[in-house]
């Protein structure tokens, strides 16, 4: 990383340490509704874990996915660059999990963790200053038949650029509210700060990456893409008010989940 990227990374760590308690409480032991409904089922489907496999969970946060994978019989090493998130993940316990403070932008620190059957990274790539070090390290760390499964905010629909629209429409004599996204840019969106949940104690940095950049970086590291999911909310799911838009637009996916080999 250059000096500017390093400064952003350091600031990001401070931001996440500051609000670790908020995210830990919001996710609880099993994750919030976004994680439980969209992320975890899709990741588990592509991961196809086998009991006894060794898995690395990168940017694990307070450990919701790590705990789930351990319940499924995996031996999990879970890492995050936030010391406070790791402290809280450890406090929640969970057998078969080893936690460590490791920065996902540090290629050598990641590689030193050893080899794995699978690597996961959920809803964190868009929070990372750079992603090439992680992808290069992951390509080296996976054993034969290994896979890297990641979930990220969908770059086409769920970035810091879109605006949410609601308009009234007369359809066959009945008034309906129709929801839509207004997207004014896709390329060239600079890093920006935003909150990811209502009442969050301060923003953090988001790094919009196009599909070309996201997958191109993976391909440059030696990966191929062999599976991809775009999960959406079912219309009857109960969600916090901030997530209602995604429930009201079941044809627009907020998340991209992919498997690399």
C-alpha atoms as a PDB file:
ATOM      1  CA  UNK A   1       0.000   0.000   0.000  1.00  0.00           C
ATOM      2  CA  UNK A   2       1.089   3.570  -0.566  1.00  0.00           C
ATOM      3  CA  UNK A   3       1.127   6.112   2.262  1.00  0.00           C
ATOM      4  CA  UNK A   4      -2.383   7.394   1.521  1.00  0.00           C
ATOM      5  CA  UNK A   5      -3.836   3.886   1.495  1.00  0.00           C
ATOM      6  CA  UNK A   6      -2.022   3.021   4.719  1.00  0.00           C
ATOM      7  CA  UNK A   7      -3.450   6.122   6.392  1.00  0.00           C
ATOM      8  CA  UNK A   8      -6.964   5.161   5.274  1.00  0.00           C
ATOM      9  CA  UNK A   9      -6.430   1.620   6.548  1.00  0.00           C
ATOM     10  CA  UNK A  10      -5.237   2.865   9.931  1.00  0.00           C
ATOM     11  CA  UNK A  11      -8.204   5.226  10.202  1.00  0.00           C
ATOM     12  CA  UNK A  12     -10.539   2.382   9.278  1.00  0.00           C
ATOM     13  CA  UNK A  13      -9.150   0.217  12.078  1.00  0.00           C
ATOM     14  CA  UNK A  14      -9.755   3.036  14.559  1.00  0.00           C
ATOM     15  CA  UNK A  15     -13.329   3.433  13.296  1.00  0.00           C
ATOM     16  CA  UNK A  16     -14.103  -0.268  13.666  1.00  0.00           C
ATOM     17  CA  UNK A  17     -12.559  -0.480  17.120  1.00  0.00           C
ATOM     18  CA  UNK A  18     -14.714   2.464  18.163  1.00  0.00           C
ATOM     19  CA  UNK A  19     -17.973   0.847  17.068  1.00  0.00           C
ATOM     20  CA  UNK A  20     -17.191  -2.820  17.684  1.00  0.00           C
ATOM     21  CA  UNK A  21     -19.635  -2.949  20.602  1.00  0.00           C
ATOM     22  CA  UNK A  22     -22.492  -1.699  18.401  1.00  0.00           C
ATOM     23  CA  UNK A  23     -21.882  -4.286  15.661  1.00  0.00           C
ATOM     24  CA  UNK A  24     -21.357  -7.098  18.146  1.00  0.00           C
ATOM     25  CA  UNK A  25     -24.648  -6.352  19.886  1.00  0.00           C
ATOM     26  CA  UNK A  26     -26.501  -5.961  16.576  1.00  0.00           C
ATOM     27  CA  UNK A  27     -25.254  -9.301  15.230  1.00  0.00           C
ATOM     28  CA  UNK A  28     -25.479 -11.271  18.444  1.00  0.00           C
ATOM     29  CA  UNK A  29     -24.461 -14.913  18.266  1.00  0.00           C
ATOM     30  CA  UNK A  30     -25.969 -15.757  14.863  1.00  0.00           C
ATOM     31  CA  UNK A  31     -25.876 -12.481  12.898  1.00  0.00           C
ATOM     32  CA  UNK A  32     -28.550  -9.891  12.092  1.00  0.00           C
ATOM     33  CA  UNK A  33     -31.476 -10.462   9.705  1.00  0.00           C
ATOM     34  CA  UNK A  34     -29.402  -9.394   6.690  1.00  0.00           C
ATOM     35  CA  UNK A  35     -26.752 -11.973   7.564  1.00  0.00           C
ATOM     36  CA  UNK A  36     -29.165 -14.766   8.491  1.00  0.00           C
ATOM     37  CA  UNK A  37     -31.486 -14.311   5.489  1.00  0.00           C
ATOM     38  CA  UNK A  38     -29.116 -13.376   2.659  1.00  0.00           C
ATOM     39  CA  UNK A  39     -25.498 -13.991   3.546  1.00  0.00           C
ATOM     40  CA  UNK A  40     -25.227 -17.184   5.552  1.00  0.00           C
ATOM     41  CA  UNK A  41     -27.462 -19.432   3.383  1.00  0.00           C
ATOM     42  CA  UNK A  42     -25.729 -18.366   0.167  1.00  0.00           C
ATOM     43  CA  UNK A  43     -22.233 -18.701   1.621  1.00  0.00           C
ATOM     44  CA  UNK A  44     -23.010 -22.116   3.096  1.00  0.00           C
ATOM     45  CA  UNK A  45     -24.417 -23.283  -0.240  1.00  0.00           C
ATOM     46  CA  UNK A  46     -21.273 -22.348  -2.181  1.00  0.00           C
ATOM     47  CA  UNK A  47     -18.906 -23.423   0.579  1.00  0.00           C
ATOM     48  CA  UNK A  48     -20.308 -26.977   0.844  1.00  0.00           C
ATOM     49  CA  UNK A  49     -18.353 -27.583   4.045  1.00  0.00           C
ATOM     50  CA  UNK A  50     -17.241 -31.057   5.009  1.00  0.00           C
ATOM     51  CA  UNK A  51     -16.790 -31.968   8.657  1.00  0.00           C
ATOM     52  CA  UNK A  52     -13.190 -31.588   9.773  1.00  0.00           C
ATOM     53  CA  UNK A  53     -12.171 -29.138   7.047  1.00  0.00           C
ATOM     54  CA  UNK A  54      -9.827 -26.306   7.971  1.00  0.00           C
ATOM     55  CA  UNK A  55     -11.338 -22.903   7.182  1.00  0.00           C
ATOM     56  CA  UNK A  56      -9.997 -19.355   7.411  1.00  0.00           C
ATOM     57  CA  UNK A  57     -12.604 -16.636   7.994  1.00  0.00           C
ATOM     58  CA  UNK A  58     -11.107 -13.287   6.947  1.00  0.00           C
ATOM     59  CA  UNK A  59     -12.493 -10.045   8.406  1.00  0.00           C
ATOM     60  CA  UNK A  60     -14.609 -12.122  10.770  1.00  0.00           C
ATOM     61  CA  UNK A  61     -16.036  -9.216  12.766  1.00  0.00           C
ATOM     62  CA  UNK A  62     -17.581 -10.512  15.970  1.00  0.00           C
ATOM     63  CA  UNK A  63     -17.548 -14.079  14.651  1.00  0.00           C
ATOM     64  CA  UNK A  64     -21.103 -14.946  13.540  1.00  0.00           C
ATOM     65  CA  UNK A  65     -20.010 -16.896  10.446  1.00  0.00           C
ATOM     66  CA  UNK A  66     -17.043 -18.457  12.236  1.00  0.00           C
ATOM     67  CA  UNK A  67     -19.352 -19.833  14.918  1.00  0.00           C
ATOM     68  CA  UNK A  68     -21.747 -21.180  12.301  1.00  0.00           C
ATOM     69  CA  UNK A  69     -18.962 -22.960  10.403  1.00  0.00           C
ATOM     70  CA  UNK A  70     -17.653 -24.460  13.635  1.00  0.00           C
ATOM     71  CA  UNK A  71     -21.166 -25.748  14.377  1.00  0.00           C
ATOM     72  CA  UNK A  72     -21.083 -27.445  10.970  1.00  0.00           C
ATOM     73  CA  UNK A  73     -17.923 -29.280  11.985  1.00  0.00           C
ATOM     74  CA  UNK A  74     -15.166 -27.105  10.514  1.00  0.00           C
ATOM     75  CA  UNK A  75     -11.925 -26.225  12.270  1.00  0.00           C
ATOM     76  CA  UNK A  76     -11.925 -22.440  12.005  1.00  0.00           C
ATOM     77  CA  UNK A  77      -9.284 -19.756  12.249  1.00  0.00           C
ATOM     78  CA  UNK A  78     -10.991 -16.348  12.286  1.00  0.00           C
ATOM     79  CA  UNK A  79      -9.102 -13.074  11.848  1.00  0.00           C
ATOM     80  CA  UNK A  80      -9.886  -9.362  11.806  1.00  0.00           C
ATOM     81  CA  UNK A  81      -7.801  -6.191  11.899  1.00  0.00           C
ATOM     82  CA  UNK A  82      -9.919  -4.771  14.741  1.00  0.00           C
ATOM     83  CA  UNK A  83      -8.563  -5.775  18.126  1.00  0.00           C
ATOM     84  CA  UNK A  84     -11.870  -4.876  19.754  1.00  0.00           C
ATOM     85  CA  UNK A  85     -13.945  -7.025  17.384  1.00  0.00           C
ATOM     86  CA  UNK A  86     -11.646  -9.988  18.028  1.00  0.00           C
ATOM     87  CA  UNK A  87     -11.916  -9.437  21.774  1.00  0.00           C
ATOM     88  CA  UNK A  88     -15.702  -9.507  21.522  1.00  0.00           C
ATOM     89  CA  UNK A  89     -15.689 -12.542  19.227  1.00  0.00           C
ATOM     90  CA  UNK A  90     -13.587 -14.432  21.762  1.00  0.00           C
ATOM     91  CA  UNK A  91     -15.965 -13.401  24.546  1.00  0.00           C
ATOM     92  CA  UNK A  92     -18.869 -15.038  22.688  1.00  0.00           C
ATOM     93  CA  UNK A  93     -17.015 -18.339  22.756  1.00  0.00           C
ATOM     94  CA  UNK A  94     -17.505 -21.195  20.351  1.00  0.00           C
ATOM     95  CA  UNK A  95     -15.679 -24.527  20.188  1.00  0.00           C
ATOM     96  CA  UNK A  96     -13.374 -25.257  17.277  1.00  0.00           C
ATOM     97  CA  UNK A  97     -12.470 -21.609  16.621  1.00  0.00           C
ATOM     98  CA  UNK A  98      -9.128 -19.861  17.009  1.00  0.00           C
ATOM     99  CA  UNK A  99      -9.231 -16.047  16.785  1.00  0.00           C
ATOM    100  CA  UNK A 100      -6.342 -13.727  15.896  1.00  0.00           C
ATOM    101  CA  UNK A 101      -5.765 -10.078  15.032  1.00  0.00           C
ATOM    102  CA  UNK A 102      -4.554 -10.097  11.416  1.00  0.00           C
ATOM    103  CA  UNK A 103      -4.938  -7.337   8.827  1.00  0.00           C
ATOM    104  CA  UNK A 104      -6.420  -8.640   5.557  1.00  0.00           C
ATOM    105  CA  UNK A 105      -4.274  -6.164   3.623  1.00  0.00           C
ATOM    106  CA  UNK A 106      -1.086  -7.784   4.983  1.00  0.00           C
ATOM    107  CA  UNK A 107      -0.274 -10.549   2.503  1.00  0.00           C
ATOM    108  CA  UNK A 108       2.619 -12.004   4.489  1.00  0.00           C
ATOM    109  CA  UNK A 109       0.716 -12.119   7.787  1.00  0.00           C
ATOM    110  CA  UNK A 110      -2.125 -13.957   6.067  1.00  0.00           C
ATOM    111  CA  UNK A 111       0.173 -16.447   4.343  1.00  0.00           C
ATOM    112  CA  UNK A 112       1.836 -17.225   7.678  1.00  0.00           C
ATOM    113  CA  UNK A 113      -1.465 -18.702   8.908  1.00  0.00           C
ATOM    114  CA  UNK A 114      -0.870 -21.844   6.846  1.00  0.00           C
ATOM    115  CA  UNK A 115      -2.955 -23.796   4.362  1.00  0.00           C
ATOM    116  CA  UNK A 116      -6.719 -24.261   4.301  1.00  0.00           C
ATOM    117  CA  UNK A 117      -9.471 -26.218   2.615  1.00  0.00           C
ATOM    118  CA  UNK A 118     -11.589 -23.082   2.316  1.00  0.00           C
ATOM    119  CA  UNK A 119     -11.385 -19.338   2.919  1.00  0.00           C
ATOM    120  CA  UNK A 120     -14.339 -17.039   3.520  1.00  0.00           C
ATOM    121  CA  UNK A 121     -14.735 -13.269   3.545  1.00  0.00           C
ATOM    122  CA  UNK A 122     -18.246 -11.937   4.082  1.00  0.00           C
ATOM    123  CA  UNK A 123     -19.368  -8.338   3.622  1.00  0.00           C
ATOM    124  CA  UNK A 124     -15.881  -6.940   4.079  1.00  0.00           C
ATOM    125  CA  UNK A 125     -14.189  -6.537   0.682  1.00  0.00           C
ATOM    126  CA  UNK A 126     -15.987  -3.208   0.229  1.00  0.00           C
ATOM    127  CA  UNK A 127     -14.498  -2.064   3.566  1.00  0.00           C
ATOM    128  CA  UNK A 128     -10.881  -2.882   2.639  1.00  0.00           C
ATOM    129  CA  UNK A 129      -8.433  -0.287   1.379  1.00  0.00           C
ATOM    130  CA  UNK A 130      -6.903  -2.813  -1.039  1.00  0.00           C
ATOM    131  CA  UNK A 131      -7.946  -6.379  -1.888  1.00  0.00           C
ATOM    132  CA  UNK A 132      -5.084  -7.663  -4.058  1.00  0.00           C
ATOM    133  CA  UNK A 133      -2.927  -8.794  -1.074  1.00  0.00           C
ATOM    134  CA  UNK A 134      -5.780 -10.913   0.305  1.00  0.00           C
ATOM    135  CA  UNK A 135      -6.509 -12.549  -3.040  1.00  0.00           C
ATOM    136  CA  UNK A 136      -2.843 -13.277  -3.729  1.00  0.00           C
ATOM    137  CA  UNK A 137      -2.416 -14.791  -0.269  1.00  0.00           C
ATOM    138  CA  UNK A 138      -5.625 -16.817  -0.582  1.00  0.00           C
ATOM    139  CA  UNK A 139      -4.496 -18.333  -3.872  1.00  0.00           C
ATOM    140  CA  UNK A 140      -1.313 -19.559  -2.160  1.00  0.00           C
ATOM    141  CA  UNK A 141      -3.005 -20.769   1.029  1.00  0.00           C
ATOM    142  CA  UNK A 142      -5.674 -23.019  -0.466  1.00  0.00           C
ATOM    143  CA  UNK A 143      -4.915 -26.707  -0.807  1.00  0.00           C
ATOM    144  CA  UNK A 144      -6.048 -28.967  -3.668  1.00  0.00           C
ATOM    145  CA  UNK A 145      -9.775 -28.565  -4.228  1.00  0.00           C
ATOM    146  CA  UNK A 146      -9.786 -25.475  -2.029  1.00  0.00           C
ATOM    147  CA  UNK A 147     -12.234 -22.641  -2.553  1.00  0.00           C
ATOM    148  CA  UNK A 148     -12.535 -18.993  -1.601  1.00  0.00           C
ATOM    149  CA  UNK A 149     -16.120 -17.850  -1.004  1.00  0.00           C
ATOM    150  CA  UNK A 150     -16.853 -14.171  -0.561  1.00  0.00           C
ATOM    151  CA  UNK A 151     -19.970 -12.068  -0.099  1.00  0.00           C
ATOM    152  CA  UNK A 152     -19.946  -8.357  -0.806  1.00  0.00           C
ATOM    153  CA  UNK A 153     -22.347  -5.514  -1.401  1.00  0.00           C
ATOM    154  CA  UNK A 154     -23.499  -5.871  -5.013  1.00  0.00           C
ATOM    155  CA  UNK A 155     -21.374  -3.357  -6.943  1.00  0.00           C
ATOM    156  CA  UNK A 156     -24.092  -2.717  -9.523  1.00  0.00           C
ATOM    157  CA  UNK A 157     -26.870  -1.905  -7.062  1.00  0.00           C
ATOM    158  CA  UNK A 158     -25.659  -1.521  -3.480  1.00  0.00           C
ATOM    159  CA  UNK A 159     -22.846   0.999  -3.335  1.00  0.00           C
ATOM    160  CA  UNK A 160     -22.587   4.522  -1.930  1.00  0.00           C
ATOM    161  CA  UNK A 161     -23.860   6.004  -5.215  1.00  0.00           C
ATOM    162  CA  UNK A 162     -27.479   4.783  -5.725  1.00  0.00           C
ATOM    163  CA  UNK A 163     -30.457   6.751  -4.451  1.00  0.00           C
ATOM    164  CA  UNK A 164     -33.639   5.012  -3.313  1.00  0.00           C
ATOM    165  CA  UNK A 165     -36.830   6.163  -5.029  1.00  0.00           C
ATOM    166  CA  UNK A 166     -40.496   5.596  -4.228  1.00  0.00           C
ATOM    167  CA  UNK A 167     -43.293   6.792  -6.489  1.00  0.00           C
ATOM    168  CA  UNK A 168     -47.040   6.402  -6.655  1.00  0.00           C
ATOM    169  CA  UNK A 169     -48.452   4.656  -9.718  1.00  0.00           C
ATOM    170  CA  UNK A 170     -52.027   4.055 -10.858  1.00  0.00           C
ATOM    171  CA  UNK A 171     -52.227   0.456 -12.049  1.00  0.00           C
ATOM    172  CA  UNK A 172     -55.638  -0.539 -13.376  1.00  0.00           C
ATOM    173  CA  UNK A 173     -57.347   1.933 -11.093  1.00  0.00           C
ATOM    174  CA  UNK A 174     -55.416   1.000  -7.953  1.00  0.00           C
ATOM    175  CA  UNK A 175     -52.696   3.143  -6.429  1.00  0.00           C
ATOM    176  CA  UNK A 176     -49.413   1.353  -5.776  1.00  0.00           C
ATOM    177  CA  UNK A 177     -46.068   2.501  -4.452  1.00  0.00           C
ATOM    178  CA  UNK A 178     -43.255   1.406  -6.717  1.00  0.00           C
ATOM    179  CA  UNK A 179     -39.664   1.338  -5.496  1.00  0.00           C
ATOM    180  CA  UNK A 180     -36.574   1.810  -7.624  1.00  0.00           C
ATOM    181  CA  UNK A 181     -32.895   2.716  -7.578  1.00  0.00           C
ATOM    182  CA  UNK A 182     -31.408   5.749  -9.266  1.00  0.00           C
ATOM    183  CA  UNK A 183     -27.814   4.988 -10.249  1.00  0.00           C
ATOM    184  CA  UNK A 184     -25.894   7.921 -11.678  1.00  0.00           C
ATOM    185  CA  UNK A 185     -22.412   6.380 -11.747  1.00  0.00           C
ATOM    186  CA  UNK A 186     -20.720   2.993 -11.727  1.00  0.00           C
ATOM    187  CA  UNK A 187     -17.112   3.699 -12.701  1.00  0.00           C
ATOM    188  CA  UNK A 188     -14.897   6.196 -10.946  1.00  0.00           C
ATOM    189  CA  UNK A 189     -16.691   6.324  -7.583  1.00  0.00           C
ATOM    190  CA  UNK A 190     -14.123   7.410  -4.961  1.00  0.00           C
ATOM    191  CA  UNK A 191     -13.893   6.035  -1.421  1.00  0.00           C
ATOM    192  CA  UNK A 192     -16.473   7.592   0.871  1.00  0.00           C
ATOM    193  CA  UNK A 193     -17.688   7.301   4.432  1.00  0.00           C
ATOM    194  CA  UNK A 194     -21.144   6.026   5.363  1.00  0.00           C
ATOM    195  CA  UNK A 195     -22.930   4.081   8.077  1.00  0.00           C
ATOM    196  CA  UNK A 196     -24.098   0.527   7.553  1.00  0.00           C
ATOM    197  CA  UNK A 197     -26.938   0.450  10.084  1.00  0.00           C
ATOM    198  CA  UNK A 198     -29.329   2.846  11.859  1.00  0.00           C
ATOM    199  CA  UNK A 199     -27.941   4.537  14.983  1.00  0.00           C
ATOM    200  CA  UNK A 200     -24.417   3.368  14.205  1.00  0.00           C
ATOM    201  CA  UNK A 201     -21.908   5.428  16.231  1.00  0.00           C
ATOM    202  CA  UNK A 202     -20.065   6.981  13.304  1.00  0.00           C
ATOM    203  CA  UNK A 203     -19.297   6.098   9.674  1.00  0.00           C
ATOM    204  CA  UNK A 204     -16.566   3.993   8.139  1.00  0.00           C
ATOM    205  CA  UNK A 205     -14.954   3.932   4.706  1.00  0.00           C
ATOM    206  CA  UNK A 206     -16.545   2.154   1.758  1.00  0.00           C
ATOM    207  CA  UNK A 207     -14.551   1.311  -1.375  1.00  0.00           C
ATOM    208  CA  UNK A 208     -16.763   0.827  -4.419  1.00  0.00           C
ATOM    209  CA  UNK A 209     -15.267  -1.731  -6.796  1.00  0.00           C
ATOM    210  CA  UNK A 210     -16.772  -2.605 -10.146  1.00  0.00           C
ATOM    211  CA  UNK A 211     -17.213  -6.209 -11.206  1.00  0.00           C
ATOM    212  CA  UNK A 212     -14.277  -5.694 -13.543  1.00  0.00           C
ATOM    213  CA  UNK A 213     -12.018  -4.643 -10.676  1.00  0.00           C
ATOM    214  CA  UNK A 214     -13.375  -7.130  -8.155  1.00  0.00           C
ATOM    215  CA  UNK A 215     -13.156 -10.219 -10.356  1.00  0.00           C
ATOM    216  CA  UNK A 216     -10.198  -8.960 -12.371  1.00  0.00           C
ATOM    217  CA  UNK A 217      -8.122  -8.780  -9.195  1.00  0.00           C
ATOM    218  CA  UNK A 218      -9.123 -12.355  -8.391  1.00  0.00           C
ATOM    219  CA  UNK A 219      -8.239 -13.551 -11.890  1.00  0.00           C
ATOM    220  CA  UNK A 220      -4.855 -11.809 -11.687  1.00  0.00           C
ATOM    221  CA  UNK A 221      -4.165 -13.762  -8.481  1.00  0.00           C
ATOM    222  CA  UNK A 222      -4.770 -17.025 -10.353  1.00  0.00           C
ATOM    223  CA  UNK A 223      -8.385 -17.730  -9.427  1.00  0.00           C
ATOM    224  CA  UNK A 224     -11.252 -18.746 -11.668  1.00  0.00           C
ATOM    225  CA  UNK A 225     -14.904 -18.042 -10.882  1.00  0.00           C
ATOM    226  CA  UNK A 226     -16.987 -21.207 -10.768  1.00  0.00           C
ATOM    227  CA  UNK A 227     -20.184 -20.155  -8.952  1.00  0.00           C
ATOM    228  CA  UNK A 228     -22.097 -16.954  -8.268  1.00  0.00           C
ATOM    229  CA  UNK A 229     -25.297 -16.118  -6.394  1.00  0.00           C
ATOM    230  CA  UNK A 230     -27.300 -12.886  -6.118  1.00  0.00           C
ATOM    231  CA  UNK A 231     -29.642 -13.467  -3.157  1.00  0.00           C
ATOM    232  CA  UNK A 232     -32.687 -11.284  -2.499  1.00  0.00           C
ATOM    233  CA  UNK A 233     -35.105 -10.949   0.396  1.00  0.00           C
ATOM    234  CA  UNK A 234     -38.338 -12.936   0.243  1.00  0.00           C
ATOM    235  CA  UNK A 235     -41.302 -10.518   0.381  1.00  0.00           C
ATOM    236  CA  UNK A 236     -42.616 -11.703   3.744  1.00  0.00           C
ATOM    237  CA  UNK A 237     -39.408 -11.522   5.774  1.00  0.00           C
ATOM    238  CA  UNK A 238     -39.322  -9.234   8.820  1.00  0.00           C
ATOM    239  CA  UNK A 239     -36.503  -6.693   8.577  1.00  0.00           C
ATOM    240  CA  UNK A 240     -35.521  -3.391  10.188  1.00  0.00           C
ATOM    241  CA  UNK A 241     -36.964  -0.314   8.473  1.00  0.00           C
ATOM    242  CA  UNK A 242     -33.658   0.548   6.795  1.00  0.00           C
ATOM    243  CA  UNK A 243     -33.743  -2.790   4.947  1.00  0.00           C
ATOM    244  CA  UNK A 244     -37.360  -2.507   3.803  1.00  0.00           C
ATOM    245  CA  UNK A 245     -36.303  -1.232   0.378  1.00  0.00           C
ATOM    246  CA  UNK A 246     -34.602  -4.534  -0.413  1.00  0.00           C
ATOM    247  CA  UNK A 247     -37.713  -6.443   0.664  1.00  0.00           C
ATOM    248  CA  UNK A 248     -39.860  -4.196  -1.545  1.00  0.00           C
ATOM    249  CA  UNK A 249     -37.601  -4.790  -4.568  1.00  0.00           C
ATOM    250  CA  UNK A 250     -37.160  -8.579  -4.736  1.00  0.00           C
ATOM    251  CA  UNK A 251     -35.831  -8.332  -8.294  1.00  0.00           C
ATOM    252  CA  UNK A 252     -32.825  -6.202  -7.212  1.00  0.00           C
ATOM    253  CA  UNK A 253     -30.089  -8.106  -5.335  1.00  0.00           C
ATOM    254  CA  UNK A 254     -28.215  -6.194  -2.621  1.00  0.00           C
ATOM    255  CA  UNK A 255     -25.506  -8.844  -2.327  1.00  0.00           C
ATOM    256  CA  UNK A 256     -23.120 -10.738  -4.581  1.00  0.00           C
ATOM    257  CA  UNK A 257     -21.799 -14.096  -3.348  1.00  0.00           C
ATOM    258  CA  UNK A 258     -19.093 -15.834  -5.362  1.00  0.00           C
ATOM    259  CA  UNK A 259     -16.878 -18.904  -5.247  1.00  0.00           C
ATOM    260  CA  UNK A 260     -13.325 -18.825  -6.557  1.00  0.00           C
ATOM    261  CA  UNK A 261     -10.992 -21.763  -7.097  1.00  0.00           C
END
